[in-house]
Amino acid sequence: MLFKDDDAAYLDWLNAHPDGYVVNLSRSLSGDYAVLHRAQCGGIRSEKVKPGAYTERGYVKLCGVSIVELRRLMSEVQGRPDADFSKTCGNCCP
């Protein structure tokens, strides 16, 4: 599921899917920045960020219950068959 301009829905998804995965994408969906995280990672969820920081400014979030699902969604969203992540988070190590 792609979350763009809807932090509340994104945070609801995280709470409903604690074992899920999130790809933090640049708003352009270019694929140059596509970082894989676990849904519980502090890097993509924090009480300290300002409202709108998750999906309403420079980034959007692509969420799925598995890495396989995320690769399929990335391919659909970006129109690229490779669907590679630019990197994985060094904190949550998905």
Protein backbone atom coordinates (compact mmCIF):
# COMPACT_ATOMS: atom_id res chain seq x y z
CA MET A 1 0.00 0.00 0.00
CA LEU A 2 1.36 3.42 -0.96
CA PHE A 3 0.93 6.23 1.55
CA LYS A 4 1.21 9.74 0.15
CA ASP A 5 -0.12 12.86 1.90
CA ASP A 6 -1.70 10.80 4.69
CA ASP A 7 0.40 10.40 7.82
CA ALA A 8 -2.57 9.28 9.92
CA ALA A 9 -3.37 6.33 7.63
CA TYR A 10 0.33 5.42 7.45
CA LEU A 11 0.65 5.36 11.25
CA ASP A 12 -2.55 3.32 11.51
CA TRP A 13 -1.07 0.79 9.07
CA LEU A 14 2.12 0.52 11.15
CA ASN A 15 0.10 -0.14 14.29
CA ALA A 16 -2.02 -2.76 12.55
CA HIS A 17 1.00 -4.53 10.99
CA PRO A 18 3.84 -4.53 13.56
CA ASP A 19 5.62 -7.37 11.74
CA GLY A 20 5.36 -5.66 8.34
CA TYR A 21 7.88 -3.81 6.21
CA VAL A 22 8.15 -0.27 4.87
CA VAL A 23 10.08 1.21 1.97
CA ASN A 24 10.84 4.88 2.41
CA LEU A 25 10.75 6.35 -1.10
CA SER A 26 11.58 9.76 -2.44
CA ARG A 27 8.41 11.57 -3.40
CA SER A 28 9.40 11.35 -7.09
CA LEU A 29 9.32 7.52 -6.85
CA SER A 30 12.53 7.49 -8.88
CA GLY A 31 14.04 4.48 -7.14
CA ASP A 32 17.29 6.29 -6.40
CA TYR A 33 16.17 6.39 -2.78
CA ALA A 34 14.26 3.29 -1.67
CA VAL A 35 15.23 2.24 1.84
CA LEU A 36 13.77 -0.93 3.37
CA HIS A 37 12.75 -0.88 7.06
CA ARG A 38 10.85 -3.08 9.48
CA ALA A 39 7.52 -1.53 10.53
CA GLN A 40 8.76 -1.14 14.11
CA CYS A 41 11.91 0.80 13.12
CA GLY A 42 12.36 4.08 14.96
CA GLY A 43 13.70 5.61 11.76
CA ILE A 44 10.27 5.56 10.14
CA ARG A 45 8.09 6.07 13.22
CA SER A 46 8.74 8.42 16.08
CA GLU A 47 6.76 10.56 18.46
CA LYS A 48 9.29 13.35 17.97
CA VAL A 49 8.62 14.26 14.33
CA LYS A 50 6.48 17.17 13.24
CA PRO A 51 3.05 16.44 11.72
CA GLY A 52 3.27 15.67 8.03
CA ALA A 53 6.88 14.47 8.17
CA TYR A 54 6.18 10.91 7.06
CA THR A 55 4.19 11.17 3.85
CA GLU A 56 3.36 14.81 3.30
CA ARG A 57 6.71 16.34 2.38
CA GLY A 58 9.77 14.83 0.68
CA TYR A 59 8.94 11.16 1.13
CA VAL A 60 6.20 8.60 0.68
CA LYS A 61 5.89 5.15 2.22
CA LEU A 62 5.24 1.83 0.55
CA CYS A 63 4.07 -0.77 3.07
CA GLY A 64 3.59 -4.52 2.88
CA VAL A 65 3.40 -7.59 5.06
CA SER A 66 6.40 -9.22 3.34
CA ILE A 67 9.46 -8.24 1.37
CA VAL A 68 8.12 -10.21 -1.59
CA GLU A 69 4.94 -8.11 -1.52
CA LEU A 70 6.99 -4.90 -1.33
CA ARG A 71 9.05 -5.87 -4.38
CA ARG A 72 5.83 -6.49 -6.33
CA LEU A 73 4.39 -3.16 -5.20
CA MET A 74 7.61 -1.31 -6.04
CA SER A 75 7.53 -2.76 -9.53
CA GLU A 76 3.94 -1.56 -9.97
CA VAL A 77 4.49 1.90 -8.45
CA GLN A 78 7.79 2.62 -10.18
CA GLY A 79 7.14 0.73 -13.40
CA ARG A 80 10.50 -1.03 -13.06
CA PRO A 81 10.85 -4.80 -13.28
CA ASP A 82 13.91 -5.02 -10.99
CA ALA A 83 12.25 -3.46 -7.90
CA ASP A 84 15.50 -3.26 -5.96
CA PHE A 85 15.95 -1.34 -2.72
CA SER A 86 18.71 1.26 -2.78
CA LYS A 87 19.66 0.03 0.71
CA THR A 88 18.34 -1.58 3.86
CA CYS A 89 18.18 0.19 7.19
CA GLY A 90 21.26 -0.37 9.33
CA ASN A 91 19.27 0.06 12.54
CA CYS A 92 16.46 -2.47 12.12
CA CYS A 93 18.29 -4.77 9.66
CA PRO A 94 15.26 -6.11 7.74
